[in-house]
Amino acid sequence: MGQIARIASGAPWEPVAAYSRAVRAGDFVAVSGTTAIDERGLMVGGGQMYVQARQALLNIQRALERLGLSMRDVVRTRMFVTDISRFADAAKAHREFFADSPPATSMIEVKRFVHPDMLIEIEADAYAGASAPAPSGKAAPRAAKASIKAKSKAAKKKAAPKSKQRK
């Protein structure tokens, strides 16, 4: 499967609980439950589900980018909320990030989180795929698709009977 890469985000609970923001193991990437903590370690959007959901998704996006991936590579999200009646606010933020490539998802109501002002926590799983760049690479997705298409055409041509091949 290859090497395992672990990244931290600096959230105050990472060293306390000994977890990584995201872990890439081969083609699989798991992003830990992510909340509305900003770059300074402060909670944003007190009382605002949409603002907190958007910040959590931005934090997930940053973690994925550090591993050479994007939100288009996300195949599953799990949204944990303290008030399911605010579904529309969380869904709005989720749609802004995933409208073009919707992952499988679920939203589950929970009693509370480690910080009393937290309204939402989001987990994400992503697939790097065989053609996705390594954490230090920056290959364009279209170029990878074109390469796969070219290899597929070459394989078909090679497999075709000689009478049907052009000279």
N, C-alpha and C. Protein backbone atom coordinates (compact mmCIF):
# COMPACT_ATOMS: atom_id res chain seq x y z
N MET A 1 0.81 -1.18 0.00
CA MET A 1 0.00 0.00 0.00
C MET A 1 0.86 1.25 0.00
N GLY A 2 2.05 1.16 0.42
CA GLY A 2 2.92 2.33 0.38
C GLY A 2 3.06 3.00 1.72
N GLN A 3 3.58 4.19 1.66
CA GLN A 3 3.89 4.98 2.84
C GLN A 3 2.64 5.61 3.45
N ILE A 4 2.70 5.89 4.74
CA ILE A 4 1.61 6.57 5.44
C ILE A 4 2.08 7.98 5.76
N ALA A 5 1.24 8.95 5.37
CA ALA A 5 1.53 10.37 5.66
C ALA A 5 0.50 10.87 6.66
N ARG A 6 0.95 11.56 7.69
CA ARG A 6 0.06 12.11 8.72
C ARG A 6 0.31 13.61 8.80
N ILE A 7 -0.77 14.38 8.84
CA ILE A 7 -0.61 15.82 8.99
C ILE A 7 -1.42 16.32 10.18
N ALA A 8 -0.93 17.38 10.79
CA ALA A 8 -1.61 18.03 11.90
C ALA A 8 -2.10 19.39 11.43
N SER A 9 -3.10 19.92 12.12
CA SER A 9 -3.60 21.24 11.76
C SER A 9 -3.32 22.27 12.84
N GLY A 10 -2.89 21.81 14.00
CA GLY A 10 -2.65 22.72 15.11
C GLY A 10 -3.86 22.92 16.00
N ALA A 11 -4.93 22.16 15.77
CA ALA A 11 -6.10 22.26 16.64
C ALA A 11 -5.68 21.90 18.07
N PRO A 12 -6.23 22.56 19.07
CA PRO A 12 -5.77 22.34 20.44
C PRO A 12 -5.98 20.93 20.98
N TRP A 13 -6.89 20.17 20.38
CA TRP A 13 -7.17 18.83 20.90
C TRP A 13 -6.28 17.75 20.28
N GLU A 14 -5.58 18.04 19.19
CA GLU A 14 -4.74 17.03 18.53
C GLU A 14 -3.69 16.45 19.47
N PRO A 15 -2.87 17.25 20.16
CA PRO A 15 -1.86 16.65 21.05
C PRO A 15 -2.48 16.01 22.29
N VAL A 16 -3.62 16.52 22.75
CA VAL A 16 -4.27 15.97 23.94
C VAL A 16 -4.78 14.55 23.68
N ALA A 17 -5.41 14.36 22.53
CA ALA A 17 -5.99 13.05 22.21
C ALA A 17 -5.10 12.20 21.31
N ALA A 18 -3.97 12.75 20.87
CA ALA A 18 -3.03 12.04 19.99
C ALA A 18 -3.70 11.58 18.70
N TYR A 19 -4.14 12.56 17.89
CA TYR A 19 -4.69 12.22 16.58
C TYR A 19 -4.13 13.17 15.53
N SER A 20 -4.26 12.77 14.29
CA SER A 20 -3.83 13.58 13.15
C SER A 20 -5.06 14.19 12.50
N ARG A 21 -4.91 15.37 11.92
CA ARG A 21 -6.02 15.97 11.17
C ARG A 21 -6.39 15.08 10.01
N ALA A 22 -5.36 14.58 9.30
CA ALA A 22 -5.61 13.70 8.16
C ALA A 22 -4.48 12.69 8.06
N VAL A 23 -4.84 11.51 7.54
CA VAL A 23 -3.87 10.44 7.33
C VAL A 23 -4.09 9.88 5.92
N ARG A 24 -2.98 9.81 5.17
CA ARG A 24 -3.04 9.20 3.84
C ARG A 24 -2.28 7.89 3.91
N ALA A 25 -2.96 6.82 3.56
CA ALA A 25 -2.35 5.49 3.49
C ALA A 25 -2.60 4.97 2.08
N GLY A 26 -1.58 5.07 1.24
CA GLY A 26 -1.75 4.68 -0.15
C GLY A 26 -2.75 5.60 -0.84
N ASP A 27 -3.81 5.01 -1.40
CA ASP A 27 -4.83 5.78 -2.11
C ASP A 27 -5.95 6.25 -1.20
N PHE A 28 -5.94 5.85 0.06
CA PHE A 28 -7.01 6.20 0.99
C PHE A 28 -6.59 7.35 1.89
N VAL A 29 -7.49 8.32 2.06
CA VAL A 29 -7.24 9.45 2.95
C VAL A 29 -8.42 9.58 3.90
N ALA A 30 -8.12 9.65 5.19
CA ALA A 30 -9.14 9.87 6.21
C ALA A 30 -8.87 11.21 6.87
N VAL A 31 -9.90 12.07 6.92
CA VAL A 31 -9.80 13.35 7.61
C VAL A 31 -10.62 13.24 8.89
N SER A 32 -9.98 13.51 10.02
CA SER A 32 -10.63 13.42 11.32
C SER A 32 -11.81 14.38 11.42
N GLY A 33 -12.63 14.15 12.42
CA GLY A 33 -13.72 15.07 12.71
C GLY A 33 -13.17 16.48 12.80
N THR A 34 -13.71 17.38 11.99
CA THR A 34 -13.18 18.73 11.82
C THR A 34 -14.25 19.74 12.19
N THR A 35 -13.85 20.74 12.96
CA THR A 35 -14.80 21.74 13.45
C THR A 35 -14.44 23.12 12.94
N ALA A 36 -15.10 24.12 13.49
CA ALA A 36 -14.95 25.51 13.05
C ALA A 36 -13.85 26.25 13.79
N ILE A 37 -12.69 25.64 13.91
CA ILE A 37 -11.53 26.28 14.52
C ILE A 37 -10.73 26.96 13.41
N ASP A 38 -10.39 28.22 13.59
CA ASP A 38 -9.63 28.92 12.56
C ASP A 38 -8.13 28.70 12.73
N GLU A 39 -7.33 29.37 11.89
CA GLU A 39 -5.88 29.19 11.88
C GLU A 39 -5.23 29.57 13.21
N ARG A 40 -5.90 30.42 13.99
CA ARG A 40 -5.35 30.85 15.28
C ARG A 40 -5.79 29.94 16.43
N GLY A 41 -6.60 28.92 16.10
CA GLY A 41 -7.08 28.01 17.13
C GLY A 41 -8.33 28.49 17.83
N LEU A 42 -9.02 29.48 17.25
CA LEU A 42 -10.21 30.06 17.85
C LEU A 42 -11.48 29.55 17.17
N MET A 43 -12.53 29.35 17.95
CA MET A 43 -13.82 28.94 17.42
C MET A 43 -14.45 30.11 16.66
N VAL A 44 -14.98 29.85 15.47
CA VAL A 44 -15.67 30.89 14.70
C VAL A 44 -17.16 30.56 14.60
N GLY A 45 -17.95 31.54 14.32
CA GLY A 45 -19.37 31.33 14.05
C GLY A 45 -20.20 30.89 15.23
N GLY A 46 -19.98 31.46 16.39
CA GLY A 46 -20.77 31.09 17.56
C GLY A 46 -22.26 31.17 17.27
N GLY A 47 -22.98 30.08 17.46
CA GLY A 47 -24.42 30.03 17.24
C GLY A 47 -24.85 29.96 15.79
N GLN A 48 -23.91 29.92 14.84
CA GLN A 48 -24.23 29.95 13.41
C GLN A 48 -23.83 28.65 12.72
N MET A 49 -24.79 27.78 12.48
CA MET A 49 -24.52 26.47 11.88
C MET A 49 -23.85 26.60 10.51
N TYR A 50 -24.36 27.48 9.64
CA TYR A 50 -23.78 27.62 8.31
C TYR A 50 -22.32 28.06 8.39
N VAL A 51 -22.04 29.07 9.19
CA VAL A 51 -20.68 29.60 9.31
C VAL A 51 -19.73 28.52 9.83
N GLN A 52 -20.18 27.77 10.83
CA GLN A 52 -19.32 26.71 11.37
C GLN A 52 -19.13 25.57 10.37
N ALA A 53 -20.18 25.20 9.66
CA ALA A 53 -20.04 24.14 8.65
C ALA A 53 -19.07 24.56 7.56
N ARG A 54 -19.18 25.79 7.11
CA ARG A 54 -18.28 26.30 6.07
C ARG A 54 -16.83 26.31 6.54
N GLN A 55 -16.60 26.74 7.77
CA GLN A 55 -15.23 26.76 8.31
C GLN A 55 -14.68 25.33 8.43
N ALA A 56 -15.50 24.42 8.89
CA ALA A 56 -15.06 23.02 9.00
C ALA A 56 -14.68 22.48 7.63
N LEU A 57 -15.48 22.78 6.62
CA LEU A 57 -15.19 22.31 5.26
C LEU A 57 -13.94 22.98 4.70
N LEU A 58 -13.73 24.24 4.99
CA LEU A 58 -12.48 24.91 4.59
C LEU A 58 -11.28 24.22 5.24
N ASN A 59 -11.41 23.84 6.50
CA ASN A 59 -10.33 23.15 7.20
C ASN A 59 -10.06 21.78 6.57
N ILE A 60 -11.10 21.09 6.17
CA ILE A 60 -10.94 19.80 5.48
C ILE A 60 -10.24 20.03 4.14
N GLN A 61 -10.66 21.05 3.42
CA GLN A 61 -10.05 21.36 2.12
C GLN A 61 -8.55 21.63 2.28
N ARG A 62 -8.18 22.40 3.28
CA ARG A 62 -6.76 22.69 3.51
C ARG A 62 -5.97 21.42 3.82
N ALA A 63 -6.53 20.55 4.63
CA ALA A 63 -5.86 19.29 4.97
C ALA A 63 -5.66 18.44 3.72
N LEU A 64 -6.68 18.34 2.89
CA LEU A 64 -6.58 17.55 1.66
C LEU A 64 -5.53 18.15 0.71
N GLU A 65 -5.51 19.47 0.59
CA GLU A 65 -4.54 20.12 -0.29
C GLU A 65 -3.11 19.84 0.17
N ARG A 66 -2.90 19.78 1.46
CA ARG A 66 -1.56 19.46 1.97
C ARG A 66 -1.14 18.05 1.60
N LEU A 67 -2.10 17.19 1.29
CA LEU A 67 -1.81 15.81 0.90
C LEU A 67 -1.91 15.63 -0.62
N GLY A 68 -2.03 16.74 -1.35
CA GLY A 68 -2.06 16.67 -2.81
C GLY A 68 -3.42 16.33 -3.40
N LEU A 69 -4.49 16.54 -2.63
CA LEU A 69 -5.84 16.22 -3.09
C LEU A 69 -6.73 17.45 -3.06
N SER A 70 -7.96 17.28 -3.55
CA SER A 70 -8.94 18.37 -3.52
C SER A 70 -10.27 17.83 -3.01
N MET A 71 -11.23 18.69 -2.88
CA MET A 71 -12.56 18.27 -2.43
C MET A 71 -13.22 17.35 -3.45
N ARG A 72 -12.80 17.41 -4.71
CA ARG A 72 -13.35 16.50 -5.73
C ARG A 72 -12.96 15.05 -5.46
N ASP A 73 -11.93 14.84 -4.64
CA ASP A 73 -11.48 13.49 -4.32
C ASP A 73 -12.24 12.88 -3.14
N VAL A 74 -13.09 13.67 -2.49
CA VAL A 74 -13.84 13.18 -1.33
C VAL A 74 -14.93 12.24 -1.80
N VAL A 75 -14.98 11.06 -1.19
CA VAL A 75 -15.99 10.07 -1.55
C VAL A 75 -17.06 9.91 -0.46
N ARG A 76 -16.78 10.38 0.75
CA ARG A 76 -17.75 10.25 1.84
C ARG A 76 -17.52 11.34 2.88
N THR A 77 -18.62 11.92 3.35
CA THR A 77 -18.56 12.83 4.49
C THR A 77 -19.56 12.35 5.54
N ARG A 78 -19.26 12.71 6.78
CA ARG A 78 -20.18 12.45 7.88
C ARG A 78 -20.30 13.77 8.65
N MET A 79 -21.51 14.25 8.78
CA MET A 79 -21.74 15.50 9.49
C MET A 79 -22.45 15.19 10.80
N PHE A 80 -21.83 15.58 11.89
CA PHE A 80 -22.41 15.40 13.21
C PHE A 80 -22.86 16.78 13.67
N VAL A 81 -24.13 16.92 14.03
CA VAL A 81 -24.67 18.22 14.42
C VAL A 81 -25.37 18.11 15.77
N THR A 82 -25.41 19.23 16.48
CA THR A 82 -26.09 19.23 17.77
C THR A 82 -27.57 19.55 17.63
N ASP A 83 -28.01 19.98 16.44
CA ASP A 83 -29.41 20.31 16.23
C ASP A 83 -29.79 19.98 14.78
N ILE A 84 -30.40 18.82 14.58
CA ILE A 84 -30.74 18.35 13.24
C ILE A 84 -31.78 19.26 12.57
N SER A 85 -32.51 20.05 13.34
CA SER A 85 -33.49 20.95 12.73
C SER A 85 -32.80 22.05 11.93
N ARG A 86 -31.49 22.20 12.10
CA ARG A 86 -30.72 23.19 11.34
C ARG A 86 -30.02 22.54 10.13
N PHE A 87 -30.59 21.43 9.68
CA PHE A 87 -30.09 20.68 8.54
C PHE A 87 -29.81 21.58 7.34
N ALA A 88 -30.75 22.46 7.01
CA ALA A 88 -30.62 23.30 5.81
C ALA A 88 -29.37 24.16 5.84
N ASP A 89 -28.99 24.67 7.00
CA ASP A 89 -27.79 25.50 7.10
C ASP A 89 -26.53 24.69 6.83
N ALA A 90 -26.47 23.51 7.41
CA ALA A 90 -25.30 22.64 7.19
C ALA A 90 -25.27 22.16 5.74
N ALA A 91 -26.45 21.80 5.22
CA ALA A 91 -26.54 21.31 3.84
C ALA A 91 -26.11 22.38 2.84
N LYS A 92 -26.45 23.63 3.11
CA LYS A 92 -26.07 24.73 2.22
C LYS A 92 -24.55 24.82 2.09
N ALA A 93 -23.85 24.78 3.22
CA ALA A 93 -22.38 24.83 3.18
C ALA A 93 -21.82 23.62 2.45
N HIS A 94 -22.35 22.44 2.74
CA HIS A 94 -21.89 21.20 2.10
C HIS A 94 -22.06 21.30 0.60
N ARG A 95 -23.21 21.78 0.14
CA ARG A 95 -23.49 21.91 -1.29
C ARG A 95 -22.50 22.86 -1.95
N GLU A 96 -22.09 23.93 -1.28
CA GLU A 96 -21.14 24.88 -1.86
C GLU A 96 -19.81 24.23 -2.19
N PHE A 97 -19.42 23.24 -1.42
CA PHE A 97 -18.14 22.56 -1.65
C PHE A 97 -18.27 21.35 -2.58
N PHE A 98 -19.44 20.75 -2.65
CA PHE A 98 -19.57 19.46 -3.33
C PHE A 98 -20.63 19.41 -4.43
N ALA A 99 -21.16 20.53 -4.88
CA ALA A 99 -22.23 20.52 -5.89
C ALA A 99 -21.82 19.78 -7.16
N ASP A 100 -20.56 19.92 -7.56
CA ASP A 100 -20.09 19.29 -8.81
C ASP A 100 -19.61 17.86 -8.64
N SER A 101 -19.36 17.44 -7.41
CA SER A 101 -18.86 16.08 -7.18
C SER A 101 -19.37 15.59 -5.81
N PRO A 102 -20.69 15.36 -5.70
CA PRO A 102 -21.26 15.01 -4.40
C PRO A 102 -20.78 13.66 -3.88
N PRO A 103 -20.29 13.65 -2.64
CA PRO A 103 -19.88 12.39 -2.02
C PRO A 103 -21.08 11.70 -1.37
N ALA A 104 -20.90 10.47 -0.98
CA ALA A 104 -21.88 9.83 -0.10
C ALA A 104 -21.80 10.59 1.22
N THR A 105 -22.91 10.75 1.90
CA THR A 105 -22.87 11.52 3.14
C THR A 105 -23.96 11.09 4.10
N SER A 106 -23.82 11.54 5.31
CA SER A 106 -24.86 11.35 6.32
C SER A 106 -24.76 12.51 7.29
N MET A 107 -25.89 12.78 7.95
CA MET A 107 -25.93 13.79 8.99
C MET A 107 -26.57 13.15 10.21
N ILE A 108 -25.88 13.22 11.32
CA ILE A 108 -26.31 12.57 12.55
C ILE A 108 -26.36 13.60 13.67
N GLU A 109 -27.43 13.60 14.43
CA GLU A 109 -27.52 14.51 15.57
C GLU A 109 -26.84 13.87 16.78
N VAL A 110 -26.05 14.68 17.47
CA VAL A 110 -25.36 14.23 18.68
C VAL A 110 -25.70 15.19 19.82
N LYS A 111 -25.40 14.78 21.03
CA LYS A 111 -25.75 15.59 22.20
C LYS A 111 -24.88 16.84 22.31
N ARG A 112 -23.55 16.68 22.21
CA ARG A 112 -22.65 17.83 22.31
C ARG A 112 -21.24 17.43 21.87
N PHE A 113 -20.38 18.47 21.80
CA PHE A 113 -18.98 18.28 21.42
C PHE A 113 -18.08 18.73 22.56
N VAL A 114 -16.78 18.61 22.35
CA VAL A 114 -15.80 18.93 23.38
C VAL A 114 -15.83 20.41 23.78
N HIS A 115 -16.20 21.27 22.87
CA HIS A 115 -16.32 22.71 23.16
C HIS A 115 -17.81 23.06 23.11
N PRO A 116 -18.33 23.75 24.12
CA PRO A 116 -19.77 24.01 24.18
C PRO A 116 -20.33 24.85 23.04
N ASP A 117 -19.50 25.61 22.32
CA ASP A 117 -19.99 26.44 21.21
C ASP A 117 -20.00 25.70 19.87
N MET A 118 -19.48 24.49 19.84
CA MET A 118 -19.45 23.74 18.58
C MET A 118 -20.84 23.22 18.23
N LEU A 119 -21.23 23.45 16.98
CA LEU A 119 -22.53 23.00 16.49
C LEU A 119 -22.41 21.85 15.50
N ILE A 120 -21.24 21.72 14.87
CA ILE A 120 -21.04 20.71 13.82
C ILE A 120 -19.61 20.23 13.81
N GLU A 121 -19.45 18.96 13.47
CA GLU A 121 -18.13 18.35 13.24
C GLU A 121 -18.28 17.50 11.99
N ILE A 122 -17.32 17.60 11.09
CA ILE A 122 -17.41 16.89 9.81
C ILE A 122 -16.18 16.02 9.60
N GLU A 123 -16.41 14.77 9.21
CA GLU A 123 -15.34 13.84 8.81
C GLU A 123 -15.39 13.69 7.30
N ALA A 124 -14.28 13.36 6.70
CA ALA A 124 -14.24 13.13 5.25
C ALA A 124 -13.29 11.98 4.93
N ASP A 125 -13.67 11.18 3.95
CA ASP A 125 -12.82 10.14 3.39
C ASP A 125 -12.61 10.48 1.93
N ALA A 126 -11.38 10.35 1.46
CA ALA A 126 -11.07 10.67 0.07
C ALA A 126 -10.30 9.53 -0.56
N TYR A 127 -10.36 9.50 -1.88
CA TYR A 127 -9.64 8.49 -2.66
C TYR A 127 -8.65 9.19 -3.57
N ALA A 128 -7.39 8.86 -3.38
CA ALA A 128 -6.33 9.50 -4.18
C ALA A 128 -6.25 8.89 -5.57
N GLY A 129 -6.54 7.62 -5.71
CA GLY A 129 -6.51 6.97 -7.02
C GLY A 129 -5.10 6.75 -7.51
N ALA A 130 -4.97 5.84 -8.43
CA ALA A 130 -3.66 5.48 -8.95
C ALA A 130 -2.99 6.64 -9.70
N SER A 131 -3.80 7.53 -10.31
CA SER A 131 -3.21 8.62 -11.08
C SER A 131 -3.08 9.91 -10.29
N ALA A 132 -3.56 9.94 -9.05
CA ALA A 132 -3.45 11.16 -8.24
C ALA A 132 -2.00 11.38 -7.83
N PRO A 133 -1.59 12.65 -7.71
CA PRO A 133 -0.21 12.93 -7.36
C PRO A 133 0.12 12.56 -5.92
N ALA A 134 1.38 12.31 -5.69
CA ALA A 134 1.87 12.09 -4.32
C ALA A 134 1.76 13.42 -3.59
N PRO A 135 1.85 13.43 -2.27
CA PRO A 135 1.67 14.68 -1.52
C PRO A 135 2.48 15.86 -2.03
N SER A 136 3.65 15.64 -2.61
CA SER A 136 4.46 16.76 -3.07
C SER A 136 4.19 17.11 -4.54
N GLY A 137 3.40 16.28 -5.25
CA GLY A 137 3.14 16.51 -6.67
C GLY A 137 1.98 17.43 -6.93
N LYS A 138 1.91 17.97 -8.13
CA LYS A 138 0.81 18.87 -8.52
C LYS A 138 0.35 18.54 -9.94
N ALA A 139 0.03 17.29 -10.24
CA ALA A 139 -0.42 16.91 -11.58
C ALA A 139 -1.85 17.38 -11.79
N ALA A 140 -2.16 17.83 -12.99
CA ALA A 140 -3.51 18.27 -13.31
C ALA A 140 -4.41 17.07 -13.52
N PRO A 141 -5.66 17.09 -12.98
CA PRO A 141 -6.57 15.97 -13.14
C PRO A 141 -6.87 15.65 -14.59
N ARG A 142 -7.01 16.67 -15.46
CA ARG A 142 -7.30 16.42 -16.87
C ARG A 142 -6.17 15.68 -17.54
N ALA A 143 -4.94 16.02 -17.18
CA ALA A 143 -3.78 15.34 -17.78
C ALA A 143 -3.79 13.87 -17.38
N ALA A 144 -4.14 13.58 -16.15
CA ALA A 144 -4.19 12.19 -15.69
C ALA A 144 -5.26 11.43 -16.45
N LYS A 145 -6.45 12.04 -16.65
CA LYS A 145 -7.53 11.39 -17.39
C LYS A 145 -7.12 11.16 -18.84
N ALA A 146 -6.45 12.13 -19.45
CA ALA A 146 -5.99 11.99 -20.84
C ALA A 146 -5.00 10.84 -20.96
N SER A 147 -4.12 10.70 -19.97
CA SER A 147 -3.15 9.63 -19.97
C SER A 147 -3.83 8.27 -19.89
N ILE A 148 -4.83 8.16 -19.03
CA ILE A 148 -5.58 6.91 -18.89
C ILE A 148 -6.30 6.59 -20.18
N LYS A 149 -6.92 7.60 -20.81
CA LYS A 149 -7.64 7.41 -22.07
C LYS A 149 -6.69 6.94 -23.17
N ALA A 150 -5.49 7.56 -23.25
CA ALA A 150 -4.51 7.19 -24.27
C ALA A 150 -4.05 5.75 -24.07
N LYS A 151 -3.81 5.35 -22.83
CA LYS A 151 -3.40 3.98 -22.55
C LYS A 151 -4.49 2.99 -22.93
N SER A 152 -5.75 3.36 -22.68
CA SER A 152 -6.88 2.51 -23.01
C SER A 152 -6.99 2.32 -24.52
N LYS A 153 -6.83 3.41 -25.28
CA LYS A 153 -6.88 3.33 -26.74
C LYS A 153 -5.74 2.45 -27.27
N ALA A 154 -4.56 2.63 -26.71
CA ALA A 154 -3.41 1.83 -27.15
C ALA A 154 -3.65 0.36 -26.87
N ALA A 155 -4.21 0.04 -25.73
CA ALA A 155 -4.48 -1.36 -25.38
C ALA A 155 -5.52 -1.95 -26.33
N LYS A 156 -6.55 -1.19 -26.69
CA LYS A 156 -7.58 -1.67 -27.62
C LYS A 156 -6.99 -1.92 -28.99
N LYS A 157 -6.13 -0.99 -29.43
CA LYS A 157 -5.51 -1.12 -30.75
C LYS A 157 -4.63 -2.36 -30.80
N LYS A 158 -3.88 -2.59 -29.74
CA LYS A 158 -2.99 -3.75 -29.66
C LYS A 158 -3.79 -5.05 -29.67
N ALA A 159 -4.96 -5.04 -29.02
CA ALA A 159 -5.78 -6.24 -28.92
C ALA A 159 -6.58 -6.50 -30.19
N ALA A 160 -6.77 -5.50 -31.05
CA ALA A 160 -7.56 -5.67 -32.27
C ALA A 160 -6.83 -6.56 -33.26
N PRO A 161 -7.61 -7.34 -34.04
CA PRO A 161 -6.97 -8.19 -35.08
C PRO A 161 -6.18 -7.32 -36.07
N LYS A 162 -5.09 -7.87 -36.62
CA LYS A 162 -4.22 -7.09 -37.50
C LYS A 162 -4.95 -6.59 -38.73
N SER A 163 -5.95 -7.30 -39.21
CA SER A 163 -6.66 -6.88 -40.41
C SER A 163 -7.43 -5.58 -40.17
N LYS A 164 -7.77 -5.28 -38.93
CA LYS A 164 -8.51 -4.06 -38.62
C LYS A 164 -7.61 -2.90 -38.22
N GLN A 165 -6.33 -3.15 -38.03
CA GLN A 165 -5.42 -2.06 -37.64
C GLN A 165 -5.02 -1.27 -38.86
N ARG A 166 -4.91 0.04 -38.69
CA ARG A 166 -4.44 0.91 -39.78
C ARG A 166 -2.93 0.87 -39.84
N LYS A 167 -2.43 1.10 -41.03
CA LYS A 167 -0.98 1.10 -41.21
C LYS A 167 -0.48 2.50 -41.34
